[in-house]
Amino acid sequence: MLDNSLGPVSSRITIGDRVYLQLRDALITGRFDPGQALTIAALAKSFQTSPMPVREALRRLGAENAVEMASNGSACVPTVSVERLDDICRARVAIEGLATQLAAETVQPHEMEAIEQSMAEHEAASTKADVYDMLLRNRDFHFRIYSASRSQVLAQLIDSLWLRYGPYMRMLSSYIAPRMGTGLHKPFANHHHAIVAALRQRDGAAAREHMIADITGTQVLLQDLCRAETGLSPDISGK
């Protein structure tokens, strides 16, 4: 039996929660540079809050491996490397591939409509100048599929992986931004169409295969961007 010292908890979101969620969203969409310092004072000024909720938000994000904590409570965005990228993508391939396969077996008609709507919004956004809007539409497309898998565990694991993928999203957005409207998105749009077709046919193996191709296609591009970032030569082996 629990004693009476535990009272009711308010359902209203706190300032600390808001700071955490906004910071988390900014990290997952690549709003910060790899290695960028996130000081408590600067963030508190941006959020117009006291340092306390910022400190707590950074602590929570540090526990999720989204930021690297310093001894004074400030933090920095993790740096990038090909090895770290490949490690994250290896996990993404395994988990997101499985979630997509499950989604093909359980997706409902109204969910398919929402997935196709997200795909169309992503393609429409690719013709405009707002790279972050395009990447947000891409995230919506993916997570609507993962939600249709009916696996809360897989969805939570995927969310954690995308959070750790944030520094690479920053590199991707910096690369894509000056090339918006050039057709750079077309190979990825083709993957999306193939995924949707497989979902409609309830072909889990094909849906999984096309999702993996979508992930690894971006991975190959990011590998070269990482090598350029760290001063290494691009891989010309064709592997």
Protein backbone atom coordinates (compact mmCIF):
# COMPACT_ATOMS: atom_id res chain seq x y z
CA MET A 1 0.00 0.00 0.00
CA LEU A 2 1.18 3.55 -0.81
CA ASP A 3 0.92 6.16 1.92
CA ASN A 4 -1.04 9.39 1.64
CA SER A 5 2.02 11.53 0.97
CA LEU A 6 1.63 11.06 -2.79
CA GLY A 7 -0.87 13.61 -3.99
CA PRO A 8 -2.53 14.15 -7.37
CA VAL A 9 -0.42 15.29 -10.31
CA SER A 10 -1.59 18.15 -12.51
CA SER A 11 -2.09 17.27 -16.16
CA ARG A 12 -0.98 20.75 -17.25
CA ILE A 13 2.41 20.89 -18.93
CA THR A 14 5.06 22.78 -16.97
CA ILE A 15 7.50 25.42 -18.20
CA GLY A 16 10.26 22.86 -17.82
CA ASP A 17 8.36 20.41 -20.01
CA ARG A 18 7.82 23.07 -22.66
CA VAL A 19 11.52 23.94 -22.70
CA TYR A 20 12.42 20.26 -22.92
CA LEU A 21 9.98 19.56 -25.75
CA GLN A 22 11.04 22.61 -27.78
CA LEU A 23 14.72 21.81 -27.33
CA ARG A 24 14.10 18.18 -28.19
CA ASP A 25 12.23 19.13 -31.34
CA ALA A 26 14.97 21.56 -32.35
CA LEU A 27 17.60 18.85 -31.90
CA ILE A 28 15.68 16.18 -33.79
CA THR A 29 15.11 18.51 -36.76
CA GLY A 30 18.74 19.62 -36.91
CA ARG A 31 18.41 23.20 -35.72
CA PHE A 32 21.85 23.14 -34.06
CA ASP A 33 25.29 22.59 -35.53
CA PRO A 34 27.32 19.49 -34.60
CA GLY A 35 29.51 20.39 -31.62
CA GLN A 36 27.56 23.59 -30.90
CA ALA A 37 27.61 24.70 -27.26
CA LEU A 38 24.22 25.03 -25.57
CA THR A 39 24.72 27.28 -22.58
CA ILE A 40 22.11 27.60 -19.89
CA ALA A 41 22.28 31.41 -19.91
CA ALA A 42 21.79 31.74 -23.66
CA LEU A 43 18.95 29.23 -23.77
CA ALA A 44 17.21 30.82 -20.77
CA LYS A 45 17.39 34.18 -22.55
CA SER A 46 15.91 32.66 -25.75
CA PHE A 47 13.10 30.94 -23.86
CA GLN A 48 12.64 33.94 -21.53
CA THR A 49 12.74 31.68 -18.49
CA SER A 50 14.90 31.25 -15.45
CA PRO A 51 17.92 28.93 -15.73
CA MET A 52 16.24 26.15 -13.75
CA PRO A 53 13.91 24.72 -16.46
CA VAL A 54 16.71 24.92 -19.03
CA ARG A 55 19.11 23.08 -16.74
CA GLU A 56 16.54 20.36 -16.15
CA ALA A 57 15.74 20.07 -19.88
CA LEU A 58 19.43 19.67 -20.73
CA ARG A 59 19.81 17.05 -18.02
CA ARG A 60 16.94 15.05 -19.49
CA LEU A 61 18.36 15.36 -23.00
CA GLY A 62 21.76 14.29 -21.72
CA ALA A 63 20.18 11.15 -20.28
CA GLU A 64 18.79 10.45 -23.77
CA ASN A 65 22.27 10.90 -25.33
CA ALA A 66 20.93 13.79 -27.38
CA VAL A 67 23.51 16.21 -25.93
CA GLU A 68 26.82 15.82 -24.17
CA MET A 69 26.86 17.36 -20.70
CA ALA A 70 29.60 19.50 -19.20
CA SER A 71 30.45 19.62 -15.51
CA ASN A 72 28.85 23.08 -15.15
CA GLY A 73 25.48 21.81 -16.42
CA SER A 74 25.79 23.28 -19.89
CA ALA A 75 25.83 21.00 -22.90
CA CYS A 76 26.94 20.65 -26.48
CA VAL A 77 25.52 18.93 -29.53
CA PRO A 78 27.43 15.73 -30.31
CA THR A 79 30.02 15.94 -33.07
CA VAL A 80 29.62 13.85 -36.20
CA SER A 81 31.63 10.94 -37.54
CA VAL A 82 31.13 8.25 -40.15
CA GLU A 83 31.43 5.59 -37.46
CA ARG A 84 28.70 7.13 -35.30
CA LEU A 85 26.49 7.70 -38.32
CA ASP A 86 26.84 4.08 -39.43
CA ASP A 87 26.09 2.85 -35.91
CA ILE A 88 22.86 4.86 -35.75
CA CYS A 89 21.82 3.85 -39.27
CA ARG A 90 22.47 0.18 -38.55
CA ALA A 91 19.97 0.42 -35.70
CA ARG A 92 17.55 2.46 -37.81
CA VAL A 93 17.59 -0.14 -40.58
CA ALA A 94 16.81 -2.94 -38.13
CA ILE A 95 14.11 -1.19 -36.11
CA GLU A 96 12.45 1.02 -38.70
CA GLY A 97 12.50 -1.80 -41.22
CA LEU A 98 10.66 -4.02 -38.76
CA ALA A 99 8.14 -1.31 -37.86
CA THR A 100 7.41 -0.75 -41.55
CA GLN A 101 6.91 -4.46 -42.13
CA LEU A 102 4.48 -4.64 -39.22
CA ALA A 103 2.66 -1.56 -40.48
CA ALA A 104 1.98 -3.30 -43.78
CA GLU A 105 0.09 -5.96 -41.83
CA THR A 106 -1.92 -3.65 -39.58
CA VAL A 107 -2.35 -0.27 -41.34
CA GLN A 108 -5.95 0.95 -41.54
CA PRO A 109 -7.54 2.84 -44.46
CA HIS A 110 -7.64 6.16 -42.61
CA GLU A 111 -3.96 5.72 -41.72
CA MET A 112 -3.08 5.06 -45.35
CA GLU A 113 -4.83 8.29 -46.30
CA ALA A 114 -2.78 10.19 -43.70
CA ILE A 115 0.47 8.56 -44.89
CA GLU A 116 -0.26 9.46 -48.50
CA GLN A 117 -1.15 13.00 -47.46
CA SER A 118 2.20 13.32 -45.67
CA MET A 119 3.98 12.03 -48.77
CA ALA A 120 2.25 14.64 -50.94
CA GLU A 121 3.04 17.42 -48.44
CA HIS A 122 6.69 16.37 -48.40
CA GLU A 123 6.89 16.56 -52.18
CA ALA A 124 5.12 19.92 -52.26
CA ALA A 125 7.49 21.31 -49.60
CA SER A 126 10.51 20.23 -51.66
CA THR A 127 9.66 22.86 -54.28
CA LYS A 128 9.77 25.70 -51.74
CA ALA A 129 12.62 27.43 -49.94
CA ASP A 130 11.96 26.15 -46.40
CA VAL A 131 14.19 23.12 -45.93
CA TYR A 132 13.03 22.60 -42.34
CA ASP A 133 9.42 22.37 -43.44
CA MET A 134 10.39 19.71 -45.96
CA LEU A 135 12.29 17.72 -43.33
CA LEU A 136 9.37 18.02 -40.91
CA ARG A 137 7.04 16.65 -43.59
CA ASN A 138 9.47 13.80 -44.12
CA ARG A 139 9.41 13.04 -40.40
CA ASP A 140 5.60 13.08 -40.39
CA PHE A 141 5.58 10.57 -43.25
CA HIS A 142 7.91 8.19 -41.45
CA PHE A 143 6.28 8.38 -38.05
CA ARG A 144 2.77 7.89 -39.39
CA ILE A 145 4.02 4.61 -40.83
CA TYR A 146 5.70 3.60 -37.58
CA SER A 147 2.56 4.49 -35.62
CA ALA A 148 0.59 2.15 -37.86
CA SER A 149 2.82 -0.74 -36.71
CA ARG A 150 0.90 -0.75 -33.40
CA SER A 151 4.19 -1.17 -31.51
CA GLN A 152 4.76 1.44 -28.83
CA VAL A 153 8.15 -0.06 -28.03
CA LEU A 154 9.42 0.23 -31.60
CA ALA A 155 8.01 3.76 -31.93
CA GLN A 156 9.82 4.86 -28.76
CA LEU A 157 13.09 3.32 -29.90
CA ILE A 158 12.79 5.00 -33.29
CA ASP A 159 12.08 8.36 -31.66
CA SER A 160 15.25 7.97 -29.60
CA LEU A 161 17.30 7.12 -32.69
CA TRP A 162 16.00 10.14 -34.58
CA LEU A 163 16.95 12.33 -31.64
CA ARG A 164 20.53 11.05 -31.80
CA TYR A 165 20.42 11.53 -35.57
CA GLY A 166 19.86 15.28 -35.11
CA PRO A 167 23.42 16.48 -35.86
CA TYR A 168 23.27 14.63 -39.16
CA MET A 169 19.94 16.24 -39.99
CA ARG A 170 21.70 19.59 -39.54
CA MET A 171 24.34 18.55 -42.06
CA LEU A 172 21.64 17.32 -44.41
CA SER A 173 19.62 20.54 -44.16
CA SER A 174 22.73 22.66 -44.81
CA TYR A 175 23.44 20.59 -47.92
CA ILE A 176 19.87 20.59 -49.21
CA ALA A 177 18.96 24.25 -48.52
CA PRO A 178 20.87 25.80 -51.45
CA ARG A 179 19.69 22.98 -53.72
CA MET A 180 15.95 23.22 -53.03
CA GLY A 181 13.92 22.92 -56.23
CA THR A 182 16.70 21.19 -58.19
CA GLY A 183 15.17 17.71 -58.03
CA LEU A 184 17.55 16.52 -55.31
CA HIS A 185 14.60 15.03 -53.42
CA LYS A 186 13.38 12.83 -56.30
CA PRO A 187 15.26 9.61 -55.39
CA PHE A 188 13.86 9.84 -51.87
CA ALA A 189 10.38 10.64 -53.18
CA ASN A 190 10.62 7.50 -55.31
CA HIS A 191 11.38 5.47 -52.16
CA HIS A 192 8.33 6.99 -50.49
CA HIS A 193 6.08 6.04 -53.39
CA ALA A 194 7.45 2.49 -53.34
CA ILE A 195 6.85 2.22 -49.59
CA VAL A 196 3.26 3.44 -49.95
CA ALA A 197 2.58 1.03 -52.81
CA ALA A 198 3.89 -1.88 -50.73
CA LEU A 199 1.79 -0.80 -47.74
CA ARG A 200 -1.32 -0.68 -49.89
CA GLN A 201 -0.58 -4.20 -51.15
CA ARG A 202 0.12 -5.32 -47.58
CA ASP A 203 3.51 -6.56 -48.77
CA GLY A 204 5.56 -6.32 -45.57
CA ALA A 205 8.80 -7.59 -47.09
CA ALA A 206 8.71 -5.04 -49.92
CA ALA A 207 7.73 -2.21 -47.58
CA ARG A 208 10.65 -3.07 -45.33
CA GLU A 209 13.05 -3.25 -48.28
CA HIS A 210 12.04 0.16 -49.61
CA MET A 211 12.23 1.77 -46.16
CA ILE A 212 15.75 0.41 -45.74
CA ALA A 213 16.66 1.80 -49.17
CA ASP A 214 15.33 5.20 -48.07
CA ILE A 215 17.46 5.17 -44.92
CA THR A 216 20.65 3.90 -46.56
CA GLY A 217 20.31 6.31 -49.49
CA THR A 218 20.52 9.24 -47.08
CA GLN A 219 23.28 7.47 -45.15
CA VAL A 220 25.53 7.31 -48.24
CA LEU A 221 25.12 11.06 -48.82
CA LEU A 222 25.81 11.81 -45.15
CA GLN A 223 28.92 9.63 -45.12
CA ASP A 224 30.52 11.93 -47.70
CA LEU A 225 29.34 15.02 -45.83
CA CYS A 226 30.86 13.61 -42.63
CA ARG A 227 34.16 12.97 -44.37
CA ALA A 228 34.17 16.53 -45.66
CA GLU A 229 33.30 17.84 -42.18
CA THR A 230 36.16 15.92 -40.56
CA GLY A 231 38.68 16.58 -43.33
CA LEU A 232 38.68 13.04 -44.72
CA SER A 233 38.57 12.21 -48.41
CA PRO A 234 35.25 11.00 -49.87
CA ASP A 235 34.90 7.27 -50.34
CA ILE A 236 35.42 6.51 -54.01
CA SER A 237 35.36 2.75 -53.66
CA GLY A 238 31.74 2.58 -54.74
CA LYS A 239 30.82 0.59 -51.64
